[in-house]
Protein backbone atom coordinates (compact mmCIF):
# COMPACT_ATOMS: atom_id res chain seq x y z
CA MET A 1 9.58 3.66 -16.28
CA ALA A 2 8.01 3.14 -19.71
CA GLU A 3 6.67 6.22 -21.42
CA GLU A 4 4.67 6.65 -24.62
CA ILE A 5 3.03 9.73 -26.11
CA PHE A 6 -0.56 9.58 -27.37
CA GLU A 7 -3.14 12.15 -28.40
CA ALA A 8 -6.50 11.74 -26.67
CA ASP A 9 -9.24 14.02 -25.37
CA THR A 10 -10.39 11.76 -22.54
CA LEU A 11 -9.00 8.95 -20.47
CA GLY A 12 -11.49 6.64 -22.19
CA ASP A 13 -10.08 7.59 -25.61
CA LEU A 14 -6.56 6.98 -24.34
CA MET A 15 -7.44 3.55 -22.94
CA THR A 16 -8.93 2.55 -26.30
CA LYS A 17 -5.78 3.65 -28.12
CA ILE A 18 -3.25 1.99 -25.83
CA THR A 19 -5.07 -1.34 -25.60
CA ALA A 20 -5.93 -1.78 -29.30
CA ASP A 21 -4.66 -5.21 -30.38
CA ARG A 22 -3.02 -5.72 -26.96
CA ASP A 23 -5.28 -8.20 -25.15
CA GLU A 24 -2.96 -8.85 -22.21
CA LEU A 25 -2.40 -5.12 -21.64
CA ALA A 26 -6.16 -4.51 -21.85
CA ARG A 27 -6.75 -7.14 -19.15
CA VAL A 28 -4.31 -5.42 -16.78
CA VAL A 29 -5.50 -1.89 -17.60
CA ARG A 30 -9.13 -2.81 -16.78
CA ARG A 31 -8.03 -3.66 -13.23
CA SER A 32 -5.66 -0.71 -12.77
CA SER A 33 -5.93 2.65 -11.02
CA PHE A 34 -5.10 5.91 -12.80
CA LEU A 35 -3.57 9.27 -11.98
CA VAL A 36 -3.95 12.25 -14.30
CA ASN A 37 -1.35 14.91 -13.57
CA GLY A 38 -0.94 13.33 -10.13
CA ASP A 39 -4.65 13.38 -9.24
CA PRO A 40 -6.46 10.06 -8.70
CA VAL A 41 -9.24 9.26 -11.17
CA GLY A 42 -11.03 7.07 -8.65
CA LYS A 43 -14.30 5.55 -9.81
CA ARG A 44 -15.11 8.28 -12.35
CA GLU A 45 -16.16 7.09 -15.81
CA HIS A 46 -13.04 7.20 -18.01
CA SER A 47 -14.98 8.86 -20.83
CA ALA A 48 -15.76 11.75 -18.45
CA VAL A 49 -12.13 12.41 -17.47
CA SER A 50 -10.76 15.14 -19.74
CA LEU A 51 -7.08 15.15 -20.60
CA PRO A 52 -5.61 18.63 -21.00
CA GLU A 53 -2.80 19.09 -23.51
CA GLY A 54 0.42 17.67 -22.09
CA ALA A 55 -1.37 15.64 -19.40
CA VAL A 56 0.61 12.89 -17.71
CA VAL A 57 -1.39 9.71 -17.13
CA GLU A 58 0.02 7.12 -14.76
CA ILE A 59 -1.36 3.58 -14.81
CA LEU A 60 -0.99 1.77 -11.51
CA PRO A 61 -1.51 -1.99 -11.94
CA PRO A 62 -3.01 -3.97 -9.07
CA PHE A 63 -0.43 -4.92 -6.46
CA ALA A 64 -0.16 -8.33 -4.85
CA GLY A 65 -1.58 -8.30 -1.34
CA GLY A 66 -3.33 -4.96 -1.60
């Protein structure tokens, strides 16, 4: 499992930081699902999802066949 530490106030801020100058990663992230501290983000606007200090964000890429 790959792990990186970033500082961000919202999931939207985090997505901007991790995809800067990474076009292929940005393409995958746009199609992915997210968990914040184990809770699904669902269809909420990423800019509205607050990240508490020490939050763990999991990015779940789309899976083949489902």
